[in-house]
Amino acid sequence: MRNYSIIFFFITIIFLACPSKLIAQELEPRALTNLPKGLNFAAIGYAHASGNILIDPAIPLEDFNGSINTIVMAYVKSVNFFGASGKVDVILPFAGGDFTGVFEDEGFTDAYTGFGDLRVRATINLTGAPSLEPSDFKSYEQKTISGIGVQVFVPTGNYKKEQLPNLGSNRWSLRINYGISQTFDRWLLEAHAGIWLFSPNNNFLGDNKQEQKPLWIAKGNVIRNLGKKGMWLAFSAGFGYGGETSVNDVRIDATISQLRLGLTYALPLDPKNALKFTIGSGIRFKQGSDFDVFGVTYSHRWLDKKKLKTLKNSTDE
């Protein structure tokens, strides 16, 4: 396994108090990186965020401030999709934090702990990244890759209809993303565009109906490989616009307009284990979240037993 390139797929761990909303602009450097068949990842991450983490303009809170601690558990598997490489992943956040704010001219302080919404995603590399056996992967050179990702947010998180804010969203949502990456020697440039679609929440602040228009997303990453295999540094930026909300068919006069900036450092421990460190900030222009975050993720990778046996046989030959 040491003979082919060591590629780590890291899960961005910025999942906060309203995780299904803030995730709209996950920056995710190296999301399109090709992986050999039968590769598995298990990851666990911790993140701390503080500031105004509300992004939904329909939530009638003023002067909101939170301090959030989040643990994220994830599993990723590379797959062969009609000859193209791809991967599927499952992500589950667990968050807890303290909140202060003003609701109907009265200040409040509260604390919540529980699971956020489950996320399931499929990513397919459309061009430039064929699905390869581990024994053939060592000769692969990444150049231009394009791909598409479809992620479903399942409303499994903790939600109480009289509570603000909530860890779960109590609605289904779908995020579709198209991206392209280009390698220049030790540099990797990535650009992504996407849309986020929401189903109604029929239990918003009681039995009110909350609806939200699509949120449009654009993001980019500039990545520098640092010599040692699997070690890299990335600067990321993402912008989200739209997401106008209505409650009981009454439009809320607010549009989400938010910039996200992030810096990521990946440190391989050995061919199977790695750490990733992340710092970031959210900056709002009209509506959106305004916060600072830092986190660390540990990931472990392994090959399917059948693939590992085949790789060992080919190496012995």
C-alpha atoms as a PDB file:
ATOM      1  CA  MET A   1       0.000   0.000   0.000  1.00  0.00           C
ATOM      2  CA  ARG A   2       3.009   2.285   0.382  1.00  0.00           C
ATOM      3  CA  ASN A   3       3.713   2.114  -3.359  1.00  0.00           C
ATOM      4  CA  TYR A   4       0.849   4.291  -4.584  1.00  0.00           C
ATOM      5  CA  SER A   5      -0.069   7.855  -3.740  1.00  0.00           C
ATOM      6  CA  ILE A   6      -1.516   8.401  -0.266  1.00  0.00           C
ATOM      7  CA  ILE A   7      -4.713  10.392  -0.649  1.00  0.00           C
ATOM      8  CA  PHE A   8      -6.748  11.505   2.322  1.00  0.00           C
ATOM      9  CA  PHE A   9     -10.354  12.526   2.073  1.00  0.00           C
ATOM     10  CA  PHE A  10     -11.133  14.844   4.945  1.00  0.00           C
ATOM     11  CA  ILE A  11     -14.574  15.863   6.125  1.00  0.00           C
ATOM     12  CA  THR A  12     -14.996  19.539   6.872  1.00  0.00           C
ATOM     13  CA  ILE A  13     -16.131  19.745  10.450  1.00  0.00           C
ATOM     14  CA  ILE A  14     -17.891  23.061  10.595  1.00  0.00           C
ATOM     15  CA  PHE A  15     -21.263  21.754  11.818  1.00  0.00           C
ATOM     16  CA  LEU A  16     -22.734  24.213  14.313  1.00  0.00           C
ATOM     17  CA  ALA A  17     -25.890  24.865  16.280  1.00  0.00           C
ATOM     18  CA  CYS A  18     -28.060  25.046  13.176  1.00  0.00           C
ATOM     19  CA  PRO A  19     -25.907  22.553  11.263  1.00  0.00           C
ATOM     20  CA  SER A  20     -28.114  21.971   8.240  1.00  0.00           C
ATOM     21  CA  LYS A  21     -28.067  25.714   7.473  1.00  0.00           C
ATOM     22  CA  LEU A  22     -24.399  26.523   8.016  1.00  0.00           C
ATOM     23  CA  ILE A  23     -23.285  23.491   6.040  1.00  0.00           C
ATOM     24  CA  ALA A  24     -24.475  25.253   2.882  1.00  0.00           C
ATOM     25  CA  GLN A  25     -21.024  26.705   2.413  1.00  0.00           C
ATOM     26  CA  GLU A  26     -18.771  23.857   3.513  1.00  0.00           C
ATOM     27  CA  LEU A  27     -15.512  24.675   1.813  1.00  0.00           C
ATOM     28  CA  GLU A  28     -14.164  21.106   1.531  1.00  0.00           C
ATOM     29  CA  PRO A  29     -10.769  21.363  -0.181  1.00  0.00           C
ATOM     30  CA  ARG A  30      -9.780  18.303  -2.278  1.00  0.00           C
ATOM     31  CA  ALA A  31     -13.385  17.071  -2.498  1.00  0.00           C
ATOM     32  CA  LEU A  32     -12.811  15.897  -6.105  1.00  0.00           C
ATOM     33  CA  THR A  33      -9.585  13.982  -5.423  1.00  0.00           C
ATOM     34  CA  ASN A  34      -9.544  10.577  -7.110  1.00  0.00           C
ATOM     35  CA  LEU A  35      -9.430   7.460  -4.913  1.00  0.00           C
ATOM     36  CA  PRO A  36      -8.684   3.813  -5.789  1.00  0.00           C
ATOM     37  CA  LYS A  37     -11.446   1.227  -5.650  1.00  0.00           C
ATOM     38  CA  GLY A  38     -12.368  -0.244  -2.278  1.00  0.00           C
ATOM     39  CA  LEU A  39     -10.883   2.488  -0.087  1.00  0.00           C
ATOM     40  CA  ASN A  40     -12.659   3.270   3.202  1.00  0.00           C
ATOM     41  CA  PHE A  41     -12.358   6.185   5.624  1.00  0.00           C
ATOM     42  CA  ALA A  42     -13.592   6.622   9.164  1.00  0.00           C
ATOM     43  CA  ALA A  43     -13.287  10.097  10.626  1.00  0.00           C
ATOM     44  CA  ILE A  44     -14.110  11.870  13.850  1.00  0.00           C
ATOM     45  CA  GLY A  45     -13.751  15.603  14.293  1.00  0.00           C
ATOM     46  CA  TYR A  46     -14.171  18.317  16.893  1.00  0.00           C
ATOM     47  CA  ALA A  47     -14.986  21.979  16.226  1.00  0.00           C
ATOM     48  CA  HIS A  48     -15.569  25.025  18.390  1.00  0.00           C
ATOM     49  CA  ALA A  49     -17.413  28.047  17.032  1.00  0.00           C
ATOM     50  CA  SER A  50     -18.465  31.318  18.597  1.00  0.00           C
ATOM     51  CA  GLY A  51     -20.451  34.305  17.393  1.00  0.00           C
ATOM     52  CA  ASN A  52     -23.753  34.844  15.619  1.00  0.00           C
ATOM     53  CA  ILE A  53     -24.390  31.434  14.070  1.00  0.00           C
ATOM     54  CA  LEU A  54     -27.944  32.102  12.861  1.00  0.00           C
ATOM     55  CA  ILE A  55     -28.349  32.054   9.086  1.00  0.00           C
ATOM     56  CA  ASP A  56     -32.130  31.734   8.721  1.00  0.00           C
ATOM     57  CA  PRO A  57     -33.758  35.203   8.516  1.00  0.00           C
ATOM     58  CA  ALA A  58     -37.112  33.737   9.567  1.00  0.00           C
ATOM     59  CA  ILE A  59     -35.915  33.103  13.114  1.00  0.00           C
ATOM     60  CA  PRO A  60     -37.014  36.201  15.073  1.00  0.00           C
ATOM     61  CA  LEU A  61     -33.983  36.525  17.350  1.00  0.00           C
ATOM     62  CA  GLU A  62     -31.916  39.667  17.842  1.00  0.00           C
ATOM     63  CA  ASP A  63     -28.392  40.130  19.248  1.00  0.00           C
ATOM     64  CA  PHE A  64     -27.906  36.383  19.034  1.00  0.00           C
ATOM     65  CA  ASN A  65     -24.602  34.930  20.194  1.00  0.00           C
ATOM     66  CA  GLY A  66     -23.543  31.343  20.724  1.00  0.00           C
ATOM     67  CA  SER A  67     -20.596  29.221  21.797  1.00  0.00           C
ATOM     68  CA  ILE A  68     -20.862  25.807  20.174  1.00  0.00           C
ATOM     69  CA  ASN A  69     -18.899  22.564  20.516  1.00  0.00           C
ATOM     70  CA  THR A  70     -19.472  19.920  17.857  1.00  0.00           C
ATOM     71  CA  ILE A  71     -18.337  16.331  17.327  1.00  0.00           C
ATOM     72  CA  VAL A  72     -18.751  14.908  13.827  1.00  0.00           C
ATOM     73  CA  MET A  73     -18.621  11.219  12.916  1.00  0.00           C
ATOM     74  CA  ALA A  74     -18.225  10.229   9.266  1.00  0.00           C
ATOM     75  CA  TYR A  75     -17.726   7.203   7.041  1.00  0.00           C
ATOM     76  CA  VAL A  76     -16.580   7.412   3.396  1.00  0.00           C
ATOM     77  CA  LYS A  77     -16.228   4.671   0.776  1.00  0.00           C
ATOM     78  CA  SER A  78     -14.837   4.915  -2.754  1.00  0.00           C
ATOM     79  CA  VAL A  79     -16.977   3.301  -5.455  1.00  0.00           C
ATOM     80  CA  ASN A  80     -16.905   2.481  -9.165  1.00  0.00           C
ATOM     81  CA  PHE A  81     -19.692   4.257 -11.047  1.00  0.00           C
ATOM     82  CA  PHE A  82     -19.810   2.829 -14.575  1.00  0.00           C
ATOM     83  CA  GLY A  83     -16.051   3.190 -14.929  1.00  0.00           C
ATOM     84  CA  ALA A  84     -15.780   6.582 -13.202  1.00  0.00           C
ATOM     85  CA  SER A  85     -14.521   7.002  -9.666  1.00  0.00           C
ATOM     86  CA  GLY A  86     -16.857   8.201  -6.957  1.00  0.00           C
ATOM     87  CA  LYS A  87     -17.567   7.983  -3.273  1.00  0.00           C
ATOM     88  CA  VAL A  88     -20.436   7.807  -0.839  1.00  0.00           C
ATOM     89  CA  ASP A  89     -20.350   9.256   2.650  1.00  0.00           C
ATOM     90  CA  VAL A  90     -22.513   9.392   5.747  1.00  0.00           C
ATOM     91  CA  ILE A  91     -22.080  12.202   8.272  1.00  0.00           C
ATOM     92  CA  LEU A  92     -23.635  12.609  11.717  1.00  0.00           C
ATOM     93  CA  PRO A  93     -22.953  15.648  13.976  1.00  0.00           C
ATOM     94  CA  PHE A  94     -23.477  15.899  17.731  1.00  0.00           C
ATOM     95  CA  ALA A  95     -23.478  19.430  19.097  1.00  0.00           C
ATOM     96  CA  GLY A  96     -23.896  21.303  22.326  1.00  0.00           C
ATOM     97  CA  GLY A  97     -23.584  24.927  23.328  1.00  0.00           C
ATOM     98  CA  ASP A  98     -24.773  28.009  25.152  1.00  0.00           C
ATOM     99  CA  PHE A  99     -26.845  30.762  23.546  1.00  0.00           C
ATOM    100  CA  THR A 100     -27.916  34.287  24.407  1.00  0.00           C
ATOM    101  CA  GLY A 101     -30.169  36.669  22.523  1.00  0.00           C
ATOM    102  CA  VAL A 102     -33.319  38.780  22.488  1.00  0.00           C
ATOM    103  CA  PHE A 103     -36.743  37.364  21.634  1.00  0.00           C
ATOM    104  CA  GLU A 104     -39.800  39.662  21.555  1.00  0.00           C
ATOM    105  CA  ASP A 105     -37.839  42.401  23.399  1.00  0.00           C
ATOM    106  CA  GLU A 106     -36.834  40.030  26.198  1.00  0.00           C
ATOM    107  CA  GLY A 107     -33.343  38.650  26.729  1.00  0.00           C
ATOM    108  CA  PHE A 108     -32.826  34.922  27.113  1.00  0.00           C
ATOM    109  CA  THR A 109     -30.073  32.422  27.888  1.00  0.00           C
ATOM    110  CA  ASP A 110     -30.294  28.752  26.986  1.00  0.00           C
ATOM    111  CA  ALA A 111     -28.224  25.630  26.318  1.00  0.00           C
ATOM    112  CA  TYR A 112     -28.931  22.656  24.029  1.00  0.00           C
ATOM    113  CA  THR A 113     -27.226  19.321  23.426  1.00  0.00           C
ATOM    114  CA  GLY A 114     -28.071  16.630  20.887  1.00  0.00           C
ATOM    115  CA  PHE A 115     -27.699  15.230  17.399  1.00  0.00           C
ATOM    116  CA  GLY A 116     -27.960  17.282  14.237  1.00  0.00           C
ATOM    117  CA  ASP A 117     -29.442  16.063  10.957  1.00  0.00           C
ATOM    118  CA  LEU A 118     -27.962  13.015   9.236  1.00  0.00           C
ATOM    119  CA  ARG A 119     -26.338  13.647   5.818  1.00  0.00           C
ATOM    120  CA  VAL A 120     -25.909  11.126   3.030  1.00  0.00           C
ATOM    121  CA  ARG A 121     -23.992  12.046  -0.121  1.00  0.00           C
ATOM    122  CA  ALA A 122     -22.873  10.534  -3.424  1.00  0.00           C
ATOM    123  CA  THR A 123     -20.059  12.128  -5.448  1.00  0.00           C
ATOM    124  CA  ILE A 124     -19.185  11.120  -9.025  1.00  0.00           C
ATOM    125  CA  ASN A 125     -16.096  12.285 -10.896  1.00  0.00           C
ATOM    126  CA  LEU A 126     -17.413  12.822 -14.415  1.00  0.00           C
ATOM    127  CA  THR A 127     -14.111  13.389 -16.235  1.00  0.00           C
ATOM    128  CA  GLY A 128     -10.402  12.964 -15.558  1.00  0.00           C
ATOM    129  CA  ALA A 129     -10.704  10.427 -12.740  1.00  0.00           C
ATOM    130  CA  PRO A 130     -11.327   6.833 -13.884  1.00  0.00           C
ATOM    131  CA  SER A 131     -12.048   4.159 -11.322  1.00  0.00           C
ATOM    132  CA  LEU A 132      -8.782   2.246 -10.808  1.00  0.00           C
ATOM    133  CA  GLU A 133      -7.657  -0.793  -8.882  1.00  0.00           C
ATOM    134  CA  PRO A 134      -5.168  -0.040  -6.068  1.00  0.00           C
ATOM    135  CA  SER A 135      -2.418  -1.830  -8.002  1.00  0.00           C
ATOM    136  CA  ASP A 136      -2.973   0.469 -11.004  1.00  0.00           C
ATOM    137  CA  PHE A 137      -3.406   3.669  -9.034  1.00  0.00           C
ATOM    138  CA  LYS A 138       0.320   4.309  -8.518  1.00  0.00           C
ATOM    139  CA  SER A 139       0.688   5.270 -12.200  1.00  0.00           C
ATOM    140  CA  TYR A 140      -2.269   7.676 -12.166  1.00  0.00           C
ATOM    141  CA  GLU A 141      -1.506  11.403 -12.472  1.00  0.00           C
ATOM    142  CA  GLN A 142      -4.236  13.848 -11.534  1.00  0.00           C
ATOM    143  CA  LYS A 143      -4.699  16.738 -13.980  1.00  0.00           C
ATOM    144  CA  THR A 144      -8.199  18.089 -14.719  1.00  0.00           C
ATOM    145  CA  ILE A 145     -11.175  16.567 -12.895  1.00  0.00           C
ATOM    146  CA  SER A 146     -14.835  17.546 -12.996  1.00  0.00           C
ATOM    147  CA  GLY A 147     -17.527  16.032 -10.823  1.00  0.00           C
ATOM    148  CA  ILE A 148     -20.943  16.356  -9.277  1.00  0.00           C
ATOM    149  CA  GLY A 149     -22.134  15.725  -5.732  1.00  0.00           C
ATOM    150  CA  VAL A 150     -25.669  15.189  -4.436  1.00  0.00           C
ATOM    151  CA  GLN A 151     -26.247  15.359  -0.681  1.00  0.00           C
ATOM    152  CA  VAL A 152     -29.497  14.642   1.173  1.00  0.00           C
ATOM    153  CA  PHE A 153     -30.138  16.088   4.636  1.00  0.00           C
ATOM    154  CA  VAL A 154     -32.411  13.777   6.621  1.00  0.00           C
ATOM    155  CA  PRO A 155     -34.456  15.486   9.413  1.00  0.00           C
ATOM    156  CA  THR A 156     -33.261  13.191  12.217  1.00  0.00           C
ATOM    157  CA  GLY A 157     -31.805  15.881  14.491  1.00  0.00           C
ATOM    158  CA  ASN A 158     -33.225  17.059  17.788  1.00  0.00           C
ATOM    159  CA  TYR A 159     -36.111  19.447  17.120  1.00  0.00           C
ATOM    160  CA  LYS A 160     -38.728  21.048  19.378  1.00  0.00           C
ATOM    161  CA  LYS A 161     -41.288  23.188  17.603  1.00  0.00           C
ATOM    162  CA  GLU A 162     -41.512  25.757  20.415  1.00  0.00           C
ATOM    163  CA  GLN A 163     -37.742  26.084  20.755  1.00  0.00           C
ATOM    164  CA  LEU A 164     -35.311  28.535  19.140  1.00  0.00           C
ATOM    165  CA  PRO A 165     -32.785  27.697  17.847  1.00  0.00           C
ATOM    166  CA  ASN A 166     -32.809  23.930  17.184  1.00  0.00           C
ATOM    167  CA  LEU A 167     -30.114  21.382  16.424  1.00  0.00           C
ATOM    168  CA  GLY A 168     -32.286  19.735  13.755  1.00  0.00           C
ATOM    169  CA  SER A 169     -34.091  21.445  10.880  1.00  0.00           C
ATOM    170  CA  ASN A 170     -37.313  19.354  10.835  1.00  0.00           C
ATOM    171  CA  ARG A 171     -37.302  19.342   7.029  1.00  0.00           C
ATOM    172  CA  TRP A 172     -35.660  17.541   4.143  1.00  0.00           C
ATOM    173  CA  SER A 173     -33.154  19.379   2.000  1.00  0.00           C
ATOM    174  CA  LEU A 174     -31.037  18.615  -1.040  1.00  0.00           C
ATOM    175  CA  ARG A 175     -27.693  20.104  -2.029  1.00  0.00           C
ATOM    176  CA  ILE A 176     -26.360  19.697  -5.588  1.00  0.00           C
ATOM    177  CA  ASN A 177     -22.809  20.759  -6.391  1.00  0.00           C
ATOM    178  CA  TYR A 178     -20.722  20.780  -9.571  1.00  0.00           C
ATOM    179  CA  GLY A 179     -16.966  21.269  -9.369  1.00  0.00           C
ATOM    180  CA  ILE A 180     -13.788  21.275 -11.415  1.00  0.00           C
ATOM    181  CA  SER A 181     -10.159  20.987 -10.280  1.00  0.00           C
ATOM    182  CA  GLN A 182      -6.870  21.533 -12.086  1.00  0.00           C
ATOM    183  CA  THR A 183      -3.393  20.458 -11.013  1.00  0.00           C
ATOM    184  CA  PHE A 184      -0.348  22.669 -11.697  1.00  0.00           C
ATOM    185  CA  ASP A 185       2.746  20.855 -10.437  1.00  0.00           C
ATOM    186  CA  ARG A 186       2.366  21.113  -6.632  1.00  0.00           C
ATOM    187  CA  TRP A 187      -0.635  23.446  -6.810  1.00  0.00           C
ATOM    188  CA  LEU A 188      -4.275  22.423  -7.049  1.00  0.00           C
ATOM    189  CA  LEU A 189      -7.039  24.887  -7.966  1.00  0.00           C
ATOM    190  CA  GLU A 190     -10.712  24.059  -7.413  1.00  0.00           C
ATOM    191  CA  ALA A 191     -13.953  25.873  -8.262  1.00  0.00           C
ATOM    192  CA  HIS A 192     -17.488  24.803  -7.321  1.00  0.00           C
ATOM    193  CA  ALA A 193     -21.039  26.030  -7.926  1.00  0.00           C
ATOM    194  CA  GLY A 194     -24.176  24.627  -6.382  1.00  0.00           C
ATOM    195  CA  ILE A 195     -27.740  25.009  -5.226  1.00  0.00           C
ATOM    196  CA  TRP A 196     -29.467  24.052  -1.986  1.00  0.00           C
ATOM    197  CA  LEU A 197     -33.178  23.151  -2.033  1.00  0.00           C
ATOM    198  CA  PHE A 198     -35.476  22.946   1.003  1.00  0.00           C
ATOM    199  CA  SER A 199     -38.760  21.252   1.796  1.00  0.00           C
ATOM    200  CA  PRO A 200     -41.271  23.099   4.049  1.00  0.00           C
ATOM    201  CA  ASN A 201     -41.083  22.968   7.842  1.00  0.00           C
ATOM    202  CA  ASN A 202     -44.682  22.630   9.057  1.00  0.00           C
ATOM    203  CA  ASN A 203     -43.814  22.943  12.747  1.00  0.00           C
ATOM    204  CA  PHE A 204     -41.924  26.222  12.806  1.00  0.00           C
ATOM    205  CA  LEU A 205     -42.405  28.053  16.121  1.00  0.00           C
ATOM    206  CA  GLY A 206     -45.455  25.943  16.834  1.00  0.00           C
ATOM    207  CA  ASP A 207     -47.568  24.858  13.887  1.00  0.00           C
ATOM    208  CA  ASN A 208     -46.479  27.582  11.475  1.00  0.00           C
ATOM    209  CA  LYS A 209     -45.336  26.729   7.952  1.00  0.00           C
ATOM    210  CA  GLN A 210     -41.836  27.853   7.036  1.00  0.00           C
ATOM    211  CA  GLU A 211     -40.716  27.807   3.402  1.00  0.00           C
ATOM    212  CA  GLN A 212     -37.357  28.803   1.965  1.00  0.00           C
ATOM    213  CA  LYS A 213     -36.273  29.560  -1.593  1.00  0.00           C
ATOM    214  CA  PRO A 214     -33.084  28.012  -3.029  1.00  0.00           C
ATOM    215  CA  LEU A 215     -29.721  29.138  -1.728  1.00  0.00           C
ATOM    216  CA  TRP A 216     -27.034  29.560  -4.428  1.00  0.00           C
ATOM    217  CA  ILE A 217     -23.445  28.675  -3.577  1.00  0.00           C
ATOM    218  CA  ALA A 218     -20.031  29.401  -5.120  1.00  0.00           C
ATOM    219  CA  LYS A 219     -16.702  28.412  -3.597  1.00  0.00           C
ATOM    220  CA  GLY A 220     -13.052  27.916  -4.468  1.00  0.00           C
ATOM    221  CA  ASN A 221      -9.893  26.388  -3.014  1.00  0.00           C
ATOM    222  CA  VAL A 222      -6.199  27.045  -3.605  1.00  0.00           C
ATOM    223  CA  ILE A 223      -4.177  24.073  -2.370  1.00  0.00           C
ATOM    224  CA  ARG A 224      -0.421  23.669  -2.045  1.00  0.00           C
ATOM    225  CA  ASN A 225       1.143  20.219  -1.651  1.00  0.00           C
ATOM    226  CA  LEU A 226       3.966  20.517   0.884  1.00  0.00           C
ATOM    227  CA  GLY A 227       6.326  17.795  -0.262  1.00  0.00           C
ATOM    228  CA  LYS A 228       5.511  14.926   2.070  1.00  0.00           C
ATOM    229  CA  LYS A 229       2.794  12.716   0.631  1.00  0.00           C
ATOM    230  CA  GLY A 230      -0.567  13.664   2.084  1.00  0.00           C
ATOM    231  CA  MET A 231       0.625  16.970   3.581  1.00  0.00           C
ATOM    232  CA  TRP A 232      -1.019  20.084   2.160  1.00  0.00           C
ATOM    233  CA  LEU A 233      -2.234  23.571   2.965  1.00  0.00           C
ATOM    234  CA  ALA A 234      -5.428  25.097   1.539  1.00  0.00           C
ATOM    235  CA  PHE A 235      -6.987  28.554   1.469  1.00  0.00           C
ATOM    236  CA  SER A 236     -10.730  28.486   0.799  1.00  0.00           C
ATOM    237  CA  ALA A 237     -13.500  30.985   0.155  1.00  0.00           C
ATOM    238  CA  GLY A 238     -17.232  30.473  -0.342  1.00  0.00           C
ATOM    239  CA  PHE A 239     -20.200  32.746  -0.972  1.00  0.00           C
ATOM    240  CA  GLY A 240     -23.889  31.987  -0.452  1.00  0.00           C
ATOM    241  CA  TYR A 241     -26.768  34.108  -1.763  1.00  0.00           C
ATOM    242  CA  GLY A 242     -30.549  33.730  -1.690  1.00  0.00           C
ATOM    243  CA  GLY A 243     -32.585  31.591   0.685  1.00  0.00           C
ATOM    244  CA  GLU A 244     -35.432  34.075   1.134  1.00  0.00           C
ATOM    245  CA  THR A 245     -37.874  32.743   3.714  1.00  0.00           C
ATOM    246  CA  SER A 246     -41.631  32.980   4.206  1.00  0.00           C
ATOM    247  CA  VAL A 247     -43.771  31.998   7.197  1.00  0.00           C
ATOM    248  CA  ASN A 248     -47.431  31.137   6.559  1.00  0.00           C
ATOM    249  CA  ASP A 249     -46.993  32.542   3.030  1.00  0.00           C
ATOM    250  CA  VAL A 250     -45.811  35.911   4.394  1.00  0.00           C
ATOM    251  CA  ARG A 251     -42.407  36.753   2.914  1.00  0.00           C
ATOM    252  CA  ILE A 252     -39.657  37.785   5.297  1.00  0.00           C
ATOM    253  CA  ASP A 253     -37.835  40.757   3.782  1.00  0.00           C
ATOM    254  CA  ALA A 254     -34.316  39.356   4.096  1.00  0.00           C
ATOM    255  CA  THR A 255     -31.835  37.702   1.743  1.00  0.00           C
ATOM    256  CA  ILE A 256     -28.901  35.608   2.884  1.00  0.00           C
ATOM    257  CA  SER A 257     -25.611  37.063   1.652  1.00  0.00           C
ATOM    258  CA  GLN A 258     -22.593  35.548   3.365  1.00  0.00           C
ATOM    259  CA  LEU A 259     -18.873  35.002   2.761  1.00  0.00           C
ATOM    260  CA  ARG A 260     -16.928  32.122   4.304  1.00  0.00           C
ATOM    261  CA  LEU A 261     -13.114  32.024   4.573  1.00  0.00           C
ATOM    262  CA  GLY A 262     -11.064  29.080   5.733  1.00  0.00           C
ATOM    263  CA  LEU A 263      -7.518  27.765   6.132  1.00  0.00           C
ATOM    264  CA  THR A 264      -6.819  24.022   6.309  1.00  0.00           C
ATOM    265  CA  TYR A 265      -3.611  22.114   7.109  1.00  0.00           C
ATOM    266  CA  ALA A 266      -3.419  18.347   6.549  1.00  0.00           C
ATOM    267  CA  LEU A 267      -0.789  16.337   8.428  1.00  0.00           C
ATOM    268  CA  PRO A 268      -0.278  12.613   7.659  1.00  0.00           C
ATOM    269  CA  LEU A 269       0.750  10.523  10.668  1.00  0.00           C
ATOM    270  CA  ASP A 270       1.438   7.364   8.651  1.00  0.00           C
ATOM    271  CA  PRO A 271       0.003   5.788   5.444  1.00  0.00           C
ATOM    272  CA  LYS A 272      -3.307   5.028   7.189  1.00  0.00           C
ATOM    273  CA  ASN A 273      -3.848   7.859   9.664  1.00  0.00           C
ATOM    274  CA  ALA A 274      -3.958  11.639   9.387  1.00  0.00           C
ATOM    275  CA  LEU A 275      -4.941  14.835  11.162  1.00  0.00           C
ATOM    276  CA  LYS A 276      -6.498  17.943   9.654  1.00  0.00           C
ATOM    277  CA  PHE A 277      -6.621  21.361  11.331  1.00  0.00           C
ATOM    278  CA  THR A 278      -9.133  24.008  10.252  1.00  0.00           C
ATOM    279  CA  ILE A 279      -9.752  27.661  11.115  1.00  0.00           C
ATOM    280  CA  GLY A 280     -12.423  29.812   9.515  1.00  0.00           C
ATOM    281  CA  SER A 281     -14.731  32.803   9.721  1.00  0.00           C
ATOM    282  CA  GLY A 282     -18.173  33.685   8.441  1.00  0.00           C
ATOM    283  CA  ILE A 283     -18.840  37.265   7.315  1.00  0.00           C
ATOM    284  CA  ARG A 284     -22.387  38.428   6.564  1.00  0.00           C
ATOM    285  CA  PHE A 285     -23.355  41.278   4.245  1.00  0.00           C
ATOM    286  CA  LYS A 286     -27.175  41.264   4.460  1.00  0.00           C
ATOM    287  CA  GLN A 287     -28.292  38.222   6.423  1.00  0.00           C
ATOM    288  CA  GLY A 288     -26.354  35.152   7.492  1.00  0.00           C
ATOM    289  CA  SER A 289     -24.007  33.982  10.173  1.00  0.00           C
ATOM    290  CA  ASP A 290     -21.018  35.891  11.520  1.00  0.00           C
ATOM    291  CA  PHE A 291     -18.703  33.636  13.518  1.00  0.00           C
ATOM    292  CA  ASP A 292     -15.215  32.200  14.062  1.00  0.00           C
ATOM    293  CA  VAL A 293     -14.439  28.490  14.143  1.00  0.00           C
ATOM    294  CA  PHE A 294     -11.511  26.167  14.643  1.00  0.00           C
ATOM    295  CA  GLY A 295     -11.387  22.388  14.568  1.00  0.00           C
ATOM    296  CA  VAL A 296      -9.374  19.200  14.211  1.00  0.00           C
ATOM    297  CA  THR A 297     -10.244  15.937  12.455  1.00  0.00           C
ATOM    298  CA  TYR A 298      -8.673  12.490  12.777  1.00  0.00           C
ATOM    299  CA  SER A 299      -9.156  10.051   9.898  1.00  0.00           C
ATOM    300  CA  HIS A 300      -8.227   6.404   9.397  1.00  0.00           C
ATOM    301  CA  ARG A 301      -8.255   4.637   6.033  1.00  0.00           C
ATOM    302  CA  TRP A 302      -8.182   1.016   4.944  1.00  0.00           C
ATOM    303  CA  LEU A 303      -8.714  -1.110   1.840  1.00  0.00           C
ATOM    304  CA  ASP A 304     -11.384  -3.772   1.465  1.00  0.00           C
ATOM    305  CA  LYS A 305      -9.924  -7.189   2.285  1.00  0.00           C
ATOM    306  CA  LYS A 306     -10.357  -8.444  -1.271  1.00  0.00           C
ATOM    307  CA  LYS A 307      -8.623  -5.369  -2.723  1.00  0.00           C
ATOM    308  CA  LEU A 308      -5.828  -5.633  -0.164  1.00  0.00           C
ATOM    309  CA  LYS A 309      -5.222  -9.276  -1.018  1.00  0.00           C
ATOM    310  CA  THR A 310      -5.109  -8.487  -4.743  1.00  0.00           C
ATOM    311  CA  LEU A 311      -2.671  -5.623  -4.111  1.00  0.00           C
ATOM    312  CA  LYS A 312      -0.369  -7.859  -2.043  1.00  0.00           C
ATOM    313  CA  ASN A 313      -0.387 -10.540  -4.766  1.00  0.00           C
ATOM    314  CA  SER A 314       0.486  -7.998  -7.476  1.00  0.00           C
ATOM    315  CA  THR A 315       3.293  -6.590  -5.302  1.00  0.00           C
ATOM    316  CA  ASP A 316       4.714 -10.078  -4.668  1.00  0.00           C
ATOM    317  CA  GLU A 317       4.779 -10.741  -8.396  1.00  0.00           C
END
